[in-house]
Structure formats: C-alpha cells, structure tokens
Amino acid sequence: MTGKDIENRIAQMPCWPKERQQEASRYRLTDSQIRELVRIQRDIWNGKGTFATDEEMMNLWKSCGL
C-alpha cells in the first residue's frame, strides 16, 4: 500500500458506516511512532527515503502469517 493509497483511505473515512468509523478511531499512534512517521516523511520528501520491494513485502506478510 502506498502513501497515496493510505491518504485515499483516510479521505474516504467520513463515508464509512458509523460502526466502521468507531472501529478505526480506536487505533492511536504513540509519540515515538509519530516521530518516526514524520522522519520517514521528511526523508521521502527530500529524496532520501527507501521503499521495500514487492518481494520484501511478500516475505514480511508471509512471516506475519498473512
């Protein structure tokens, strides 16, 4: 899933059924997770970010049992 995919999903949230919105709103990032996201965003904007290959992501999902 790309950053644009995530942005699109977030933009669609107001159209989701109320129960689904409440379920999604339970998830909160910790302060350290937010700092890490900001750092990654900054790296991407500055052309320093790296992305996992499809193969790396496939291996990750497999390791998670998905």
N, C-alpha and C. Protein backbone atom coordinates (compact mmCIF):
# COMPACT_ATOMS: atom_id res chain seq x y z
N MET A 1 0.85 -1.17 0.00
CA MET A 1 0.00 0.00 0.00
C MET A 1 0.90 1.23 0.00
N THR A 2 0.63 2.15 -0.88
CA THR A 2 1.43 3.36 -0.98
C THR A 2 0.88 4.46 -0.07
N GLY A 3 1.67 5.50 0.09
CA GLY A 3 1.21 6.64 0.88
C GLY A 3 -0.07 7.23 0.30
N LYS A 4 -0.14 7.26 -1.03
CA LYS A 4 -1.33 7.79 -1.69
C LYS A 4 -2.55 6.91 -1.40
N ASP A 5 -2.34 5.59 -1.36
CA ASP A 5 -3.43 4.67 -1.01
C ASP A 5 -3.95 4.98 0.39
N ILE A 6 -3.03 5.19 1.31
CA ILE A 6 -3.42 5.49 2.69
C ILE A 6 -4.18 6.81 2.76
N GLU A 7 -3.67 7.83 2.05
CA GLU A 7 -4.36 9.12 2.03
C GLU A 7 -5.78 8.97 1.49
N ASN A 8 -5.93 8.17 0.43
CA ASN A 8 -7.26 7.95 -0.15
C ASN A 8 -8.19 7.25 0.83
N ARG A 9 -7.67 6.26 1.56
CA ARG A 9 -8.50 5.56 2.54
C ARG A 9 -8.94 6.50 3.65
N ILE A 10 -8.02 7.33 4.12
CA ILE A 10 -8.37 8.27 5.19
C ILE A 10 -9.42 9.26 4.69
N ALA A 11 -9.27 9.71 3.46
CA ALA A 11 -10.25 10.66 2.89
C ALA A 11 -11.63 10.03 2.77
N GLN A 12 -11.69 8.71 2.61
CA GLN A 12 -12.98 8.01 2.47
C GLN A 12 -13.66 7.74 3.80
N MET A 13 -12.92 7.87 4.90
CA MET A 13 -13.48 7.50 6.21
C MET A 13 -14.81 8.17 6.54
N PRO A 14 -15.01 9.45 6.22
CA PRO A 14 -16.31 10.05 6.56
C PRO A 14 -17.49 9.36 5.88
N CYS A 15 -17.25 8.63 4.80
CA CYS A 15 -18.33 7.92 4.09
C CYS A 15 -18.57 6.52 4.65
N TRP A 16 -17.70 6.07 5.52
CA TRP A 16 -17.84 4.73 6.08
C TRP A 16 -19.03 4.68 7.04
N PRO A 17 -19.61 3.50 7.25
CA PRO A 17 -20.66 3.36 8.26
C PRO A 17 -20.11 3.77 9.64
N LYS A 18 -20.98 4.29 10.47
CA LYS A 18 -20.58 4.79 11.79
C LYS A 18 -19.80 3.75 12.60
N GLU A 19 -20.23 2.49 12.54
CA GLU A 19 -19.55 1.44 13.31
C GLU A 19 -18.10 1.27 12.85
N ARG A 20 -17.90 1.34 11.54
CA ARG A 20 -16.55 1.19 10.98
C ARG A 20 -15.68 2.38 11.37
N GLN A 21 -16.25 3.58 11.39
CA GLN A 21 -15.50 4.77 11.81
C GLN A 21 -15.06 4.63 13.26
N GLN A 22 -15.95 4.15 14.11
CA GLN A 22 -15.62 3.98 15.52
C GLN A 22 -14.53 2.94 15.70
N GLU A 23 -14.60 1.87 14.92
CA GLU A 23 -13.58 0.83 14.99
C GLU A 23 -12.22 1.39 14.59
N ALA A 24 -12.18 2.15 13.51
CA ALA A 24 -10.91 2.71 13.03
C ALA A 24 -10.36 3.76 13.99
N SER A 25 -11.23 4.46 14.68
CA SER A 25 -10.76 5.54 15.56
C SER A 25 -10.12 5.02 16.85
N ARG A 26 -10.23 3.72 17.11
CA ARG A 26 -9.63 3.16 18.33
C ARG A 26 -8.11 3.09 18.24
N TYR A 27 -7.58 3.10 17.04
CA TYR A 27 -6.14 2.93 16.86
C TYR A 27 -5.44 4.27 17.02
N ARG A 28 -4.44 4.30 17.89
CA ARG A 28 -3.69 5.52 18.16
C ARG A 28 -2.21 5.23 18.06
N LEU A 29 -1.47 6.16 17.48
CA LEU A 29 -0.02 6.03 17.41
C LEU A 29 0.60 6.58 18.68
N THR A 30 1.71 5.97 19.08
CA THR A 30 2.45 6.50 20.22
C THR A 30 3.25 7.71 19.75
N ASP A 31 3.76 8.49 20.67
CA ASP A 31 4.58 9.64 20.31
C ASP A 31 5.80 9.22 19.51
N SER A 32 6.41 8.11 19.87
CA SER A 32 7.60 7.66 19.14
C SER A 32 7.23 7.20 17.72
N GLN A 33 6.06 6.60 17.55
CA GLN A 33 5.61 6.21 16.21
C GLN A 33 5.35 7.44 15.35
N ILE A 34 4.76 8.46 15.95
CA ILE A 34 4.52 9.70 15.21
C ILE A 34 5.84 10.34 14.79
N ARG A 35 6.81 10.39 15.70
CA ARG A 35 8.12 10.96 15.35
C ARG A 35 8.77 10.17 14.22
N GLU A 36 8.64 8.86 14.24
CA GLU A 36 9.21 8.02 13.19
C GLU A 36 8.53 8.28 11.85
N LEU A 37 7.22 8.42 11.86
CA LEU A 37 6.49 8.73 10.63
C LEU A 37 6.91 10.08 10.07
N VAL A 38 7.06 11.06 10.92
CA VAL A 38 7.49 12.40 10.48
C VAL A 38 8.89 12.31 9.87
N ARG A 39 9.79 11.54 10.50
CA ARG A 39 11.14 11.38 9.98
C ARG A 39 11.12 10.72 8.60
N ILE A 40 10.32 9.67 8.47
CA ILE A 40 10.23 8.96 7.19
C ILE A 40 9.65 9.88 6.11
N GLN A 41 8.61 10.61 6.46
CA GLN A 41 8.01 11.55 5.51
C GLN A 41 9.05 12.57 5.04
N ARG A 42 9.80 13.11 5.98
CA ARG A 42 10.82 14.10 5.64
C ARG A 42 11.87 13.50 4.71
N ASP A 43 12.28 12.27 5.00
CA ASP A 43 13.26 11.60 4.13
C ASP A 43 12.70 11.41 2.72
N ILE A 44 11.45 11.01 2.63
CA ILE A 44 10.83 10.81 1.32
C ILE A 44 10.77 12.12 0.56
N TRP A 45 10.33 13.18 1.23
CA TRP A 45 10.23 14.48 0.58
C TRP A 45 11.60 14.98 0.11
N ASN A 46 12.64 14.63 0.85
CA ASN A 46 13.99 15.05 0.49
C ASN A 46 14.70 14.07 -0.44
N GLY A 47 13.97 13.08 -0.93
CA GLY A 47 14.54 12.13 -1.87
C GLY A 47 15.46 11.11 -1.23
N LYS A 48 15.41 10.97 0.08
CA LYS A 48 16.29 10.04 0.79
C LYS A 48 15.58 8.78 1.25
N GLY A 49 14.28 8.73 1.06
CA GLY A 49 13.50 7.59 1.53
C GLY A 49 13.70 6.36 0.67
N THR A 50 13.56 5.22 1.28
CA THR A 50 13.63 3.96 0.54
C THR A 50 12.33 3.19 0.79
N PHE A 51 12.01 2.34 -0.14
CA PHE A 51 10.80 1.57 -0.04
C PHE A 51 11.13 0.09 -0.16
N ALA A 52 10.33 -0.72 0.46
CA ALA A 52 10.51 -2.17 0.36
C ALA A 52 10.09 -2.61 -1.04
N THR A 53 10.78 -3.61 -1.54
CA THR A 53 10.40 -4.19 -2.82
C THR A 53 9.16 -5.06 -2.62
N ASP A 54 8.52 -5.43 -3.72
CA ASP A 54 7.36 -6.32 -3.63
C ASP A 54 7.75 -7.64 -2.97
N GLU A 55 8.95 -8.13 -3.30
CA GLU A 55 9.41 -9.39 -2.71
C GLU A 55 9.62 -9.25 -1.20
N GLU A 56 10.20 -8.14 -0.77
CA GLU A 56 10.39 -7.91 0.66
C GLU A 56 9.06 -7.84 1.39
N MET A 57 8.08 -7.18 0.78
CA MET A 57 6.76 -7.09 1.40
C MET A 57 6.08 -8.45 1.44
N MET A 58 6.23 -9.23 0.37
CA MET A 58 5.65 -10.56 0.35
C MET A 58 6.23 -11.41 1.48
N ASN A 59 7.54 -11.32 1.67
CA ASN A 59 8.19 -12.07 2.75
C ASN A 59 7.73 -11.60 4.13
N LEU A 60 7.54 -10.30 4.27
CA LEU A 60 7.04 -9.76 5.54
C LEU A 60 5.65 -10.31 5.84
N TRP A 61 4.75 -10.24 4.85
CA TRP A 61 3.39 -10.73 5.08
C TRP A 61 3.40 -12.21 5.40
N LYS A 62 4.23 -12.97 4.70
CA LYS A 62 4.34 -14.41 4.99
C LYS A 62 4.80 -14.64 6.43
N SER A 63 5.79 -13.85 6.87
CA SER A 63 6.30 -14.02 8.24
C SER A 63 5.23 -13.67 9.29
N CYS A 64 4.26 -12.86 8.89
CA CYS A 64 3.15 -12.49 9.79
C CYS A 64 1.99 -13.47 9.68
N GLY A 65 2.15 -14.47 8.80
CA GLY A 65 1.09 -15.45 8.64
C GLY A 65 -0.05 -14.97 7.75
N LEU A 66 0.23 -13.98 6.94
CA LEU A 66 -0.82 -13.45 6.05
C LEU A 66 -0.59 -13.81 4.61
